[in-house]
Amino acid sequence: MQTVYDTNIRLMLAVQKDDASAFEALVFRFQGRVQSLFRHLLGSRELAEDLTQDVFLRIFRARKSYQPNAKFVTWLFTIANNVAMNQMRRKRRKPEVQFGRDSEDSRYEGLSHQEESVLASSSSMPSRQVDKIELREMVGIAVGSLNERQRMAVLLNRFEGMSYAEIAEVMELSPQAVKSLLCRAHTQLRNLLQKYVQNGGAVKV
């Protein structure tokens, strides 16, 4: 059981006792992060807003059965993952994902250390300077090319800083399965970004 000194858990335990101000505080803390996750996962701001409301409605409805057996953030994103997967099952299509553009949450902007390293180590880089805005957009396209489960795992790992074990709990997988999922995703991202640089910015996804 997680310590009740965790402020998020304390707030959720207060919500369990129908404390409206505690629920408002949790929404204030996490609404932007959940909405950013959905928007980058599904490619629609309007849909992201609707699904975020659904997540917090589910949290409120589940308040009486809440048990602080894990980090609140893990529990929150488990609910968000379920909502996202339900949405994806309802509407199977390739999302138009734009990373880093028009983002309200800075955790979803910019290049990761790995992505910068891939581009910096490319033999094509000296002959062609690519600005970070262009690269950021390409990273968005590359991540959008991943399958749904890979994309969710990358978002949780890179932008929420979750460990393999935490992602495994959220996605109902084993830690080893998460590790394999992320390994395949990173390989695909690396290959696509290298092709982007080598081909002068033109890559099919």
N, C-alpha and C. Protein backbone atom coordinates (compact mmCIF):
# COMPACT_ATOMS: atom_id res chain seq x y z
N MET A 1 0.84 -1.20 0.00
CA MET A 1 0.00 0.00 0.00
C MET A 1 0.87 1.25 0.00
N GLN A 2 0.52 2.22 -0.83
CA GLN A 2 1.28 3.45 -0.89
C GLN A 2 1.03 4.31 0.35
N THR A 3 2.00 5.08 0.69
CA THR A 3 1.87 5.93 1.87
C THR A 3 0.78 6.98 1.70
N VAL A 4 0.03 7.22 2.76
CA VAL A 4 -1.03 8.23 2.71
C VAL A 4 -0.43 9.64 2.73
N TYR A 5 0.89 9.72 2.91
CA TYR A 5 1.55 11.02 2.87
C TYR A 5 1.74 11.50 1.43
N ASP A 6 1.53 10.62 0.46
CA ASP A 6 1.51 11.02 -0.93
C ASP A 6 0.33 11.97 -1.11
N THR A 7 0.61 13.19 -1.56
CA THR A 7 -0.45 14.20 -1.61
C THR A 7 -1.59 13.82 -2.54
N ASN A 8 -1.27 13.14 -3.66
CA ASN A 8 -2.33 12.74 -4.58
C ASN A 8 -3.24 11.69 -3.95
N ILE A 9 -2.65 10.76 -3.22
CA ILE A 9 -3.45 9.74 -2.54
C ILE A 9 -4.29 10.37 -1.44
N ARG A 10 -3.72 11.32 -0.72
CA ARG A 10 -4.48 12.01 0.33
C ARG A 10 -5.69 12.71 -0.28
N LEU A 11 -5.47 13.34 -1.44
CA LEU A 11 -6.58 14.02 -2.10
C LEU A 11 -7.65 13.02 -2.53
N MET A 12 -7.22 11.87 -3.08
CA MET A 12 -8.20 10.89 -3.54
C MET A 12 -8.96 10.28 -2.37
N LEU A 13 -8.30 10.09 -1.25
CA LEU A 13 -9.00 9.58 -0.06
C LEU A 13 -10.01 10.61 0.45
N ALA A 14 -9.71 11.88 0.25
CA ALA A 14 -10.67 12.92 0.60
C ALA A 14 -11.85 12.91 -0.37
N VAL A 15 -11.56 12.68 -1.66
CA VAL A 15 -12.62 12.55 -2.66
C VAL A 15 -13.54 11.39 -2.29
N GLN A 16 -12.95 10.33 -1.77
CA GLN A 16 -13.71 9.16 -1.35
C GLN A 16 -14.76 9.53 -0.30
N LYS A 17 -14.44 10.58 0.46
CA LYS A 17 -15.36 11.07 1.50
C LYS A 17 -16.21 12.23 0.98
N ASP A 18 -16.29 12.33 -0.35
CA ASP A 18 -17.13 13.32 -1.02
C ASP A 18 -16.67 14.76 -0.82
N ASP A 19 -15.36 14.94 -0.74
CA ASP A 19 -14.79 16.28 -0.64
C ASP A 19 -14.64 16.86 -2.05
N ALA A 20 -15.52 17.78 -2.39
CA ALA A 20 -15.55 18.34 -3.73
C ALA A 20 -14.29 19.15 -4.04
N SER A 21 -13.76 19.84 -3.05
CA SER A 21 -12.57 20.66 -3.28
C SER A 21 -11.35 19.77 -3.58
N ALA A 22 -11.29 18.59 -2.96
CA ALA A 22 -10.19 17.66 -3.23
C ALA A 22 -10.28 17.14 -4.66
N PHE A 23 -11.48 16.85 -5.13
CA PHE A 23 -11.65 16.39 -6.50
C PHE A 23 -11.25 17.49 -7.48
N GLU A 24 -11.64 18.70 -7.17
CA GLU A 24 -11.27 19.83 -8.02
C GLU A 24 -9.75 19.99 -8.08
N ALA A 25 -9.08 19.75 -6.96
CA ALA A 25 -7.62 19.86 -6.92
C ALA A 25 -6.96 18.79 -7.79
N LEU A 26 -7.50 17.56 -7.77
CA LEU A 26 -6.96 16.49 -8.61
C LEU A 26 -7.17 16.80 -10.09
N VAL A 27 -8.33 17.30 -10.41
CA VAL A 27 -8.61 17.66 -11.81
C VAL A 27 -7.63 18.74 -12.26
N PHE A 28 -7.40 19.74 -11.39
CA PHE A 28 -6.48 20.83 -11.72
C PHE A 28 -5.07 20.30 -11.96
N ARG A 29 -4.65 19.35 -11.13
CA ARG A 29 -3.30 18.79 -11.24
C ARG A 29 -3.08 17.96 -12.50
N PHE A 30 -4.10 17.17 -12.88
CA PHE A 30 -3.86 16.15 -13.90
C PHE A 30 -4.62 16.33 -15.20
N GLN A 31 -5.55 17.25 -15.25
CA GLN A 31 -6.37 17.39 -16.46
C GLN A 31 -5.52 17.67 -17.70
N GLY A 32 -4.57 18.60 -17.58
CA GLY A 32 -3.73 18.94 -18.73
C GLY A 32 -2.90 17.78 -19.22
N ARG A 33 -2.35 17.00 -18.28
CA ARG A 33 -1.52 15.86 -18.66
C ARG A 33 -2.33 14.78 -19.37
N VAL A 34 -3.51 14.48 -18.85
CA VAL A 34 -4.36 13.47 -19.46
C VAL A 34 -4.82 13.93 -20.84
N GLN A 35 -5.20 15.20 -20.93
CA GLN A 35 -5.67 15.72 -22.21
C GLN A 35 -4.55 15.72 -23.25
N SER A 36 -3.34 16.07 -22.83
CA SER A 36 -2.20 16.05 -23.76
C SER A 36 -1.92 14.63 -24.25
N LEU A 37 -2.01 13.67 -23.34
CA LEU A 37 -1.81 12.27 -23.72
C LEU A 37 -2.81 11.86 -24.79
N PHE A 38 -4.08 12.15 -24.56
CA PHE A 38 -5.12 11.78 -25.52
C PHE A 38 -4.94 12.50 -26.85
N ARG A 39 -4.57 13.78 -26.79
CA ARG A 39 -4.46 14.55 -28.02
C ARG A 39 -3.32 14.03 -28.89
N HIS A 40 -2.21 13.67 -28.26
CA HIS A 40 -1.09 13.16 -29.03
C HIS A 40 -1.30 11.70 -29.42
N LEU A 41 -2.13 11.00 -28.69
CA LEU A 41 -2.42 9.62 -29.02
C LEU A 41 -3.44 9.52 -30.14
N LEU A 42 -4.45 10.41 -30.13
CA LEU A 42 -5.58 10.30 -31.04
C LEU A 42 -5.64 11.39 -32.09
N GLY A 43 -4.87 12.47 -31.90
CA GLY A 43 -4.77 13.50 -32.93
C GLY A 43 -5.93 14.48 -33.00
N SER A 44 -6.75 14.55 -31.95
CA SER A 44 -7.90 15.45 -31.98
C SER A 44 -8.04 16.16 -30.63
N ARG A 45 -7.99 17.49 -30.67
CA ARG A 45 -8.14 18.26 -29.42
C ARG A 45 -9.54 18.08 -28.83
N GLU A 46 -10.55 18.16 -29.69
CA GLU A 46 -11.93 18.05 -29.22
C GLU A 46 -12.19 16.68 -28.58
N LEU A 47 -11.72 15.63 -29.25
CA LEU A 47 -11.90 14.29 -28.71
C LEU A 47 -11.12 14.12 -27.41
N ALA A 48 -9.93 14.70 -27.36
CA ALA A 48 -9.12 14.63 -26.14
C ALA A 48 -9.84 15.27 -24.96
N GLU A 49 -10.49 16.39 -25.20
CA GLU A 49 -11.23 17.06 -24.13
C GLU A 49 -12.39 16.19 -23.64
N ASP A 50 -13.10 15.58 -24.59
CA ASP A 50 -14.24 14.72 -24.22
C ASP A 50 -13.78 13.50 -23.42
N LEU A 51 -12.70 12.87 -23.87
CA LEU A 51 -12.21 11.67 -23.19
C LEU A 51 -11.62 11.99 -21.82
N THR A 52 -11.02 13.16 -21.69
CA THR A 52 -10.50 13.58 -20.39
C THR A 52 -11.63 13.74 -19.39
N GLN A 53 -12.72 14.33 -19.83
CA GLN A 53 -13.89 14.45 -18.96
C GLN A 53 -14.40 13.07 -18.55
N ASP A 54 -14.37 12.13 -19.50
CA ASP A 54 -14.80 10.76 -19.22
C ASP A 54 -13.92 10.13 -18.15
N VAL A 55 -12.60 10.34 -18.24
CA VAL A 55 -11.66 9.78 -17.25
C VAL A 55 -11.99 10.28 -15.85
N PHE A 56 -12.16 11.59 -15.70
CA PHE A 56 -12.42 12.12 -14.37
C PHE A 56 -13.81 11.79 -13.86
N LEU A 57 -14.76 11.61 -14.77
CA LEU A 57 -16.07 11.13 -14.36
C LEU A 57 -15.97 9.71 -13.81
N ARG A 58 -15.17 8.87 -14.47
CA ARG A 58 -14.96 7.49 -14.00
C ARG A 58 -14.27 7.48 -12.64
N ILE A 59 -13.30 8.37 -12.46
CA ILE A 59 -12.61 8.45 -11.18
C ILE A 59 -13.59 8.82 -10.07
N PHE A 60 -14.44 9.78 -10.34
CA PHE A 60 -15.41 10.20 -9.32
C PHE A 60 -16.39 9.07 -9.01
N ARG A 61 -16.85 8.39 -10.04
CA ARG A 61 -17.81 7.30 -9.83
C ARG A 61 -17.17 6.13 -9.07
N ALA A 62 -15.86 5.96 -9.24
CA ALA A 62 -15.16 4.84 -8.60
C ALA A 62 -14.59 5.22 -7.23
N ARG A 63 -14.88 6.41 -6.75
CA ARG A 63 -14.22 6.92 -5.54
C ARG A 63 -14.45 6.04 -4.31
N LYS A 64 -15.63 5.46 -4.18
CA LYS A 64 -15.94 4.68 -2.98
C LYS A 64 -15.18 3.37 -2.94
N SER A 65 -14.80 2.85 -4.09
CA SER A 65 -14.08 1.58 -4.14
C SER A 65 -12.57 1.77 -4.26
N TYR A 66 -12.11 3.02 -4.25
CA TYR A 66 -10.69 3.30 -4.42
C TYR A 66 -9.87 2.73 -3.27
N GLN A 67 -8.75 2.06 -3.63
CA GLN A 67 -7.80 1.54 -2.65
C GLN A 67 -6.40 2.04 -3.02
N PRO A 68 -5.67 2.65 -2.09
CA PRO A 68 -4.34 3.19 -2.40
C PRO A 68 -3.26 2.12 -2.46
N ASN A 69 -3.44 1.16 -3.36
CA ASN A 69 -2.50 0.04 -3.48
C ASN A 69 -1.36 0.33 -4.45
N ALA A 70 -1.46 1.43 -5.16
CA ALA A 70 -0.42 1.82 -6.12
C ALA A 70 -0.39 3.34 -6.15
N LYS A 71 0.56 3.89 -6.88
CA LYS A 71 0.60 5.33 -7.05
C LYS A 71 -0.70 5.81 -7.67
N PHE A 72 -1.18 6.96 -7.23
CA PHE A 72 -2.40 7.50 -7.81
C PHE A 72 -2.24 7.70 -9.32
N VAL A 73 -1.04 8.18 -9.73
CA VAL A 73 -0.80 8.43 -11.15
C VAL A 73 -0.95 7.14 -11.97
N THR A 74 -0.47 6.03 -11.42
CA THR A 74 -0.61 4.75 -12.13
C THR A 74 -2.07 4.38 -12.29
N TRP A 75 -2.84 4.54 -11.23
CA TRP A 75 -4.28 4.24 -11.27
C TRP A 75 -4.98 5.16 -12.28
N LEU A 76 -4.64 6.44 -12.25
CA LEU A 76 -5.23 7.41 -13.17
C LEU A 76 -4.98 7.03 -14.62
N PHE A 77 -3.72 6.70 -14.95
CA PHE A 77 -3.40 6.40 -16.33
C PHE A 77 -3.88 5.01 -16.75
N THR A 78 -4.14 4.14 -15.80
CA THR A 78 -4.79 2.87 -16.14
C THR A 78 -6.20 3.14 -16.65
N ILE A 79 -6.90 4.03 -15.98
CA ILE A 79 -8.24 4.43 -16.43
C ILE A 79 -8.15 5.12 -17.78
N ALA A 80 -7.16 6.01 -17.95
CA ALA A 80 -7.00 6.72 -19.22
C ALA A 80 -6.69 5.74 -20.35
N ASN A 81 -5.86 4.75 -20.08
CA ASN A 81 -5.54 3.74 -21.10
C ASN A 81 -6.79 2.98 -21.50
N ASN A 82 -7.61 2.59 -20.55
CA ASN A 82 -8.84 1.86 -20.87
C ASN A 82 -9.78 2.71 -21.73
N VAL A 83 -9.89 3.99 -21.38
CA VAL A 83 -10.74 4.90 -22.15
C VAL A 83 -10.20 5.04 -23.57
N ALA A 84 -8.88 5.18 -23.70
CA ALA A 84 -8.26 5.32 -25.03
C ALA A 84 -8.44 4.07 -25.87
N MET A 85 -8.21 2.91 -25.28
CA MET A 85 -8.35 1.67 -26.03
C MET A 85 -9.79 1.44 -26.48
N ASN A 86 -10.74 1.80 -25.62
CA ASN A 86 -12.16 1.69 -26.00
C ASN A 86 -12.46 2.59 -27.20
N GLN A 87 -11.92 3.81 -27.17
CA GLN A 87 -12.13 4.74 -28.27
C GLN A 87 -11.51 4.22 -29.56
N MET A 88 -10.31 3.67 -29.46
CA MET A 88 -9.63 3.15 -30.65
C MET A 88 -10.35 1.95 -31.25
N ARG A 89 -10.93 1.13 -30.38
CA ARG A 89 -11.70 -0.01 -30.89
C ARG A 89 -12.95 0.46 -31.61
N ARG A 90 -13.52 1.58 -31.14
CA ARG A 90 -14.72 2.11 -31.79
C ARG A 90 -14.41 2.73 -33.14
N LYS A 91 -13.26 3.26 -33.25
CA LYS A 91 -12.94 3.97 -34.49
C LYS A 91 -11.53 3.63 -34.93
N ARG A 92 -11.40 2.57 -35.72
CA ARG A 92 -10.11 2.13 -36.21
C ARG A 92 -9.70 2.97 -37.41
N ARG A 93 -8.75 3.83 -37.18
CA ARG A 93 -8.21 4.64 -38.25
C ARG A 93 -6.82 5.10 -37.84
N LYS A 94 -6.03 5.54 -38.78
CA LYS A 94 -4.69 6.06 -38.48
C LYS A 94 -4.82 7.50 -38.03
N PRO A 95 -4.46 7.81 -36.79
CA PRO A 95 -4.60 9.18 -36.30
C PRO A 95 -3.62 10.12 -36.99
N GLU A 96 -4.06 11.36 -37.11
CA GLU A 96 -3.17 12.39 -37.63
C GLU A 96 -2.55 13.08 -36.43
N VAL A 97 -1.39 12.59 -36.02
CA VAL A 97 -0.76 13.06 -34.79
C VAL A 97 0.27 14.13 -35.10
N GLN A 98 0.22 15.22 -34.37
CA GLN A 98 1.19 16.30 -34.54
C GLN A 98 1.84 16.57 -33.20
N PHE A 99 3.00 16.00 -32.96
CA PHE A 99 3.71 16.20 -31.71
C PHE A 99 4.31 17.59 -31.65
N GLY A 100 4.25 18.16 -30.46
CA GLY A 100 4.98 19.38 -30.19
C GLY A 100 4.36 20.63 -30.80
N ARG A 101 3.34 20.51 -31.60
CA ARG A 101 2.72 21.68 -32.21
C ARG A 101 1.46 22.03 -31.45
N ASP A 102 1.35 23.31 -31.08
CA ASP A 102 0.16 23.80 -30.40
C ASP A 102 -0.11 23.02 -29.13
N SER A 103 0.93 22.72 -28.37
CA SER A 103 0.78 21.91 -27.17
C SER A 103 0.71 22.79 -25.94
N GLU A 104 -0.22 22.46 -25.03
CA GLU A 104 -0.31 23.22 -23.79
C GLU A 104 0.62 22.68 -22.73
N ASP A 105 1.13 21.48 -22.91
CA ASP A 105 1.93 20.82 -21.89
C ASP A 105 3.34 20.61 -22.42
N SER A 106 4.32 21.27 -21.80
CA SER A 106 5.68 21.25 -22.32
C SER A 106 6.30 19.87 -22.29
N ARG A 107 5.78 18.94 -21.49
CA ARG A 107 6.36 17.60 -21.44
C ARG A 107 6.20 16.88 -22.78
N TYR A 108 5.30 17.36 -23.65
CA TYR A 108 5.11 16.73 -24.95
C TYR A 108 5.78 17.51 -26.08
N GLU A 109 6.64 18.45 -25.72
CA GLU A 109 7.33 19.23 -26.74
C GLU A 109 8.80 18.85 -26.79
N GLY A 110 9.42 19.09 -27.95
CA GLY A 110 10.85 18.91 -28.09
C GLY A 110 11.26 17.48 -28.35
N LEU A 111 12.56 17.30 -28.59
CA LEU A 111 13.11 15.99 -28.89
C LEU A 111 13.64 15.34 -27.63
N SER A 112 13.49 14.02 -27.56
CA SER A 112 14.10 13.29 -26.46
C SER A 112 15.59 13.19 -26.71
N HIS A 113 16.33 12.82 -25.67
CA HIS A 113 17.78 12.66 -25.80
C HIS A 113 18.11 11.62 -26.86
N GLN A 114 17.33 10.54 -26.89
CA GLN A 114 17.60 9.47 -27.87
C GLN A 114 17.39 9.99 -29.29
N GLU A 115 16.32 10.74 -29.51
CA GLU A 115 16.01 11.24 -30.84
C GLU A 115 17.08 12.22 -31.32
N GLU A 116 17.54 13.10 -30.41
CA GLU A 116 18.60 14.02 -30.77
C GLU A 116 19.89 13.27 -31.09
N SER A 117 20.16 12.21 -30.33
CA SER A 117 21.39 11.43 -30.54
C SER A 117 21.36 10.74 -31.89
N VAL A 118 20.19 10.20 -32.26
CA VAL A 118 20.05 9.53 -33.55
C VAL A 118 20.36 10.48 -34.69
N LEU A 119 19.77 11.69 -34.59
CA LEU A 119 19.96 12.66 -35.66
C LEU A 119 21.39 13.20 -35.68
N ALA A 120 21.95 13.43 -34.51
CA ALA A 120 23.30 13.98 -34.43
C ALA A 120 24.33 13.00 -34.97
N SER A 121 24.05 11.69 -34.80
CA SER A 121 25.02 10.68 -35.21
C SER A 121 24.89 10.28 -36.68
N SER A 122 23.85 10.81 -37.34
CA SER A 122 23.64 10.46 -38.74
C SER A 122 24.73 11.06 -39.61
N SER A 123 25.24 10.28 -40.55
CA SER A 123 26.31 10.75 -41.45
C SER A 123 25.82 11.85 -42.38
N SER A 124 24.48 12.01 -42.49
CA SER A 124 23.95 13.03 -43.39
C SER A 124 23.87 14.40 -42.73
N MET A 125 23.97 14.45 -41.42
CA MET A 125 23.75 15.71 -40.74
C MET A 125 24.68 16.84 -41.16
N PRO A 126 25.98 16.62 -41.37
CA PRO A 126 26.85 17.75 -41.73
C PRO A 126 26.45 18.43 -43.03
N SER A 127 25.84 17.70 -43.94
CA SER A 127 25.49 18.26 -45.24
C SER A 127 24.12 18.93 -45.25
N ARG A 128 23.39 18.76 -44.19
CA ARG A 128 22.04 19.34 -44.17
C ARG A 128 21.65 19.73 -42.77
N GLN A 129 21.49 20.99 -42.51
CA GLN A 129 21.07 21.46 -41.20
C GLN A 129 19.54 21.45 -41.13
N VAL A 130 19.03 20.79 -40.11
CA VAL A 130 17.57 20.68 -39.94
C VAL A 130 17.22 21.35 -38.63
N ASP A 131 16.33 22.33 -38.66
CA ASP A 131 16.03 23.03 -37.42
C ASP A 131 15.14 22.18 -36.52
N LYS A 132 15.12 22.54 -35.25
CA LYS A 132 14.44 21.71 -34.26
C LYS A 132 12.93 21.68 -34.46
N ILE A 133 12.37 22.75 -35.00
CA ILE A 133 10.92 22.75 -35.24
C ILE A 133 10.58 21.69 -36.27
N GLU A 134 11.36 21.63 -37.33
CA GLU A 134 11.15 20.63 -38.38
C GLU A 134 11.34 19.23 -37.83
N LEU A 135 12.38 19.04 -37.01
CA LEU A 135 12.62 17.72 -36.43
C LEU A 135 11.51 17.32 -35.48
N ARG A 136 11.02 18.27 -34.71
CA ARG A 136 9.95 17.98 -33.77
C ARG A 136 8.71 17.50 -34.52
N GLU A 137 8.42 18.15 -35.64
CA GLU A 137 7.28 17.73 -36.44
C GLU A 137 7.49 16.32 -37.00
N MET A 138 8.73 16.04 -37.40
CA MET A 138 9.02 14.71 -37.93
C MET A 138 8.89 13.66 -36.85
N VAL A 139 9.31 14.00 -35.63
CA VAL A 139 9.15 13.06 -34.52
C VAL A 139 7.67 12.75 -34.32
N GLY A 140 6.83 13.79 -34.45
CA GLY A 140 5.39 13.56 -34.33
C GLY A 140 4.86 12.60 -35.37
N ILE A 141 5.30 12.78 -36.60
CA ILE A 141 4.88 11.89 -37.67
C ILE A 141 5.38 10.47 -37.41
N ALA A 142 6.63 10.37 -36.94
CA ALA A 142 7.22 9.06 -36.68
C ALA A 142 6.46 8.34 -35.57
N VAL A 143 6.17 9.05 -34.48
CA VAL A 143 5.44 8.43 -33.38
C VAL A 143 4.03 8.06 -33.83
N GLY A 144 3.44 8.89 -34.69
CA GLY A 144 2.11 8.59 -35.22
C GLY A 144 2.07 7.34 -36.07
N SER A 145 3.24 6.93 -36.58
CA SER A 145 3.30 5.73 -37.41
C SER A 145 3.32 4.45 -36.58
N LEU A 146 3.56 4.58 -35.28
CA LEU A 146 3.57 3.40 -34.41
C LEU A 146 2.17 2.85 -34.25
N ASN A 147 2.07 1.56 -33.89
CA ASN A 147 0.74 1.03 -33.60
C ASN A 147 0.26 1.56 -32.25
N GLU A 148 -1.00 1.33 -31.94
CA GLU A 148 -1.63 1.94 -30.78
C GLU A 148 -0.91 1.62 -29.47
N ARG A 149 -0.56 0.36 -29.27
CA ARG A 149 0.06 -0.06 -28.03
C ARG A 149 1.48 0.50 -27.91
N GLN A 150 2.21 0.52 -29.03
CA GLN A 150 3.55 1.09 -29.01
C GLN A 150 3.49 2.58 -28.67
N ARG A 151 2.54 3.26 -29.28
CA ARG A 151 2.42 4.70 -29.07
C ARG A 151 2.10 5.01 -27.62
N MET A 152 1.19 4.26 -27.04
CA MET A 152 0.84 4.48 -25.64
C MET A 152 2.05 4.23 -24.74
N ALA A 153 2.77 3.15 -25.00
CA ALA A 153 3.93 2.82 -24.18
C ALA A 153 5.00 3.91 -24.28
N VAL A 154 5.24 4.42 -25.48
CA VAL A 154 6.24 5.48 -25.67
C VAL A 154 5.81 6.75 -24.93
N LEU A 155 4.54 7.12 -25.04
CA LEU A 155 4.05 8.31 -24.35
C LEU A 155 4.21 8.19 -22.84
N LEU A 156 3.83 7.06 -22.30
CA LEU A 156 3.93 6.86 -20.85
C LEU A 156 5.39 6.83 -20.39
N ASN A 157 6.25 6.22 -21.20
CA ASN A 157 7.65 6.09 -20.82
C ASN A 157 8.41 7.40 -20.98
N ARG A 158 8.30 8.02 -22.15
CA ARG A 158 9.09 9.20 -22.46
C ARG A 158 8.55 10.47 -21.82
N PHE A 159 7.24 10.61 -21.79
CA PHE A 159 6.67 11.89 -21.38
C PHE A 159 6.04 11.87 -19.98
N GLU A 160 5.69 10.70 -19.49
CA GLU A 160 5.21 10.60 -18.11
C GLU A 160 6.28 10.00 -17.19
N GLY A 161 7.39 9.54 -17.79
CA GLY A 161 8.50 9.03 -17.00
C GLY A 161 8.21 7.75 -16.25
N MET A 162 7.29 6.95 -16.75
CA MET A 162 6.92 5.71 -16.06
C MET A 162 7.93 4.60 -16.33
N SER A 163 8.14 3.76 -15.33
CA SER A 163 9.02 2.61 -15.46
C SER A 163 8.30 1.50 -16.23
N TYR A 164 9.07 0.47 -16.61
CA TYR A 164 8.46 -0.68 -17.29
C TYR A 164 7.36 -1.29 -16.41
N ALA A 165 7.63 -1.40 -15.11
CA ALA A 165 6.66 -2.01 -14.20
C ALA A 165 5.38 -1.18 -14.13
N GLU A 166 5.52 0.14 -14.09
CA GLU A 166 4.34 1.00 -14.02
C GLU A 166 3.54 0.95 -15.31
N ILE A 167 4.24 0.98 -16.44
CA ILE A 167 3.55 0.87 -17.73
C ILE A 167 2.86 -0.48 -17.85
N ALA A 168 3.52 -1.52 -17.37
CA ALA A 168 2.93 -2.86 -17.40
C ALA A 168 1.61 -2.89 -16.63
N GLU A 169 1.59 -2.21 -15.49
CA GLU A 169 0.36 -2.16 -14.69
C GLU A 169 -0.73 -1.39 -15.42
N VAL A 170 -0.35 -0.26 -16.01
CA VAL A 170 -1.32 0.56 -16.74
C VAL A 170 -1.90 -0.20 -17.93
N MET A 171 -1.04 -0.89 -18.69
CA MET A 171 -1.46 -1.53 -19.93
C MET A 171 -1.82 -3.00 -19.77
N GLU A 172 -1.74 -3.49 -18.54
CA GLU A 172 -2.06 -4.89 -18.23
C GLU A 172 -1.19 -5.84 -19.05
N LEU A 173 0.11 -5.59 -19.00
CA LEU A 173 1.10 -6.42 -19.65
C LEU A 173 2.16 -6.81 -18.63
N SER A 174 3.06 -7.70 -19.00
CA SER A 174 4.20 -8.00 -18.15
C SER A 174 5.29 -6.95 -18.41
N PRO A 175 6.17 -6.69 -17.44
CA PRO A 175 7.28 -5.76 -17.68
C PRO A 175 8.13 -6.16 -18.88
N GLN A 176 8.32 -7.45 -19.08
CA GLN A 176 9.11 -7.91 -20.22
C GLN A 176 8.41 -7.59 -21.53
N ALA A 177 7.09 -7.73 -21.56
CA ALA A 177 6.33 -7.39 -22.76
C ALA A 177 6.43 -5.90 -23.06
N VAL A 178 6.42 -5.07 -22.01
CA VAL A 178 6.57 -3.63 -22.19
C VAL A 178 7.95 -3.30 -22.74
N LYS A 179 8.97 -3.96 -22.18
CA LYS A 179 10.34 -3.75 -22.66
C LYS A 179 10.46 -4.08 -24.14
N SER A 180 9.85 -5.20 -24.55
CA SER A 180 9.89 -5.61 -25.95
C SER A 180 9.13 -4.63 -26.83
N LEU A 181 7.98 -4.15 -26.33
CA LEU A 181 7.15 -3.20 -27.06
C LEU A 181 7.92 -1.90 -27.31
N LEU A 182 8.59 -1.40 -26.27
CA LEU A 182 9.34 -0.16 -26.38
C LEU A 182 10.57 -0.34 -27.27
N CYS A 183 11.20 -1.50 -27.20
CA CYS A 183 12.38 -1.76 -28.03
C CYS A 183 12.01 -1.71 -29.51
N ARG A 184 10.91 -2.35 -29.87
CA ARG A 184 10.46 -2.34 -31.26
C ARG A 184 10.07 -0.92 -31.69
N ALA A 185 9.41 -0.19 -30.79
CA ALA A 185 8.99 1.17 -31.11
C ALA A 185 10.20 2.08 -31.33
N HIS A 186 11.20 1.97 -30.46
CA HIS A 186 12.39 2.81 -30.59
C HIS A 186 13.17 2.49 -31.86
N THR A 187 13.22 1.21 -32.21
CA THR A 187 13.89 0.82 -33.46
C THR A 187 13.18 1.43 -34.66
N GLN A 188 11.86 1.36 -34.66
CA GLN A 188 11.08 1.92 -35.76
C GLN A 188 11.27 3.44 -35.84
N LEU A 189 11.25 4.11 -34.68
CA LEU A 189 11.45 5.56 -34.66
C LEU A 189 12.84 5.93 -35.18
N ARG A 190 13.85 5.21 -34.70
CA ARG A 190 15.22 5.49 -35.10
C ARG A 190 15.40 5.33 -36.61
N ASN A 191 14.86 4.24 -37.17
CA ASN A 191 15.00 3.97 -38.60
C ASN A 191 14.31 5.05 -39.44
N LEU A 192 13.11 5.45 -38.98
CA LEU A 192 12.36 6.44 -39.74
C LEU A 192 13.04 7.80 -39.69
N LEU A 193 13.57 8.17 -38.53
CA LEU A 193 14.24 9.46 -38.40
C LEU A 193 15.54 9.49 -39.20
N GLN A 194 16.24 8.37 -39.24
CA GLN A 194 17.46 8.30 -40.05
C GLN A 194 17.14 8.44 -41.53
N LYS A 195 16.06 7.79 -41.99
CA LYS A 195 15.64 7.91 -43.39
C LYS A 195 15.26 9.35 -43.71
N TYR A 196 14.63 10.00 -42.73
CA TYR A 196 14.21 11.40 -42.92
C TYR A 196 15.41 12.29 -43.22
N VAL A 197 16.47 12.15 -42.43
CA VAL A 197 17.66 12.96 -42.61
C VAL A 197 18.37 12.60 -43.92
N GLN A 198 18.49 11.31 -44.19
CA GLN A 198 19.20 10.86 -45.38
C GLN A 198 18.50 11.25 -46.67
N ASN A 199 17.15 11.32 -46.62
CA ASN A 199 16.39 11.64 -47.83
C ASN A 199 16.05 13.13 -47.94
N GLY A 200 16.69 13.93 -47.12
CA GLY A 200 16.47 15.38 -47.22
C GLY A 200 15.13 15.84 -46.75
N GLY A 201 14.53 15.08 -45.82
CA GLY A 201 13.27 15.51 -45.22
C GLY A 201 12.04 14.88 -45.79
N ALA A 202 12.17 14.01 -46.78
CA ALA A 202 11.01 13.37 -47.39
C ALA A 202 10.98 11.90 -47.03
N VAL A 203 9.99 11.53 -46.24
CA VAL A 203 9.85 10.14 -45.82
C VAL A 203 8.37 9.78 -45.82
N LYS A 204 8.06 8.61 -46.37
CA LYS A 204 6.69 8.10 -46.32
C LYS A 204 6.49 7.33 -45.02
N VAL A 205 5.31 7.51 -44.40
CA VAL A 205 4.96 6.76 -43.20
C VAL A 205 3.68 5.99 -43.43
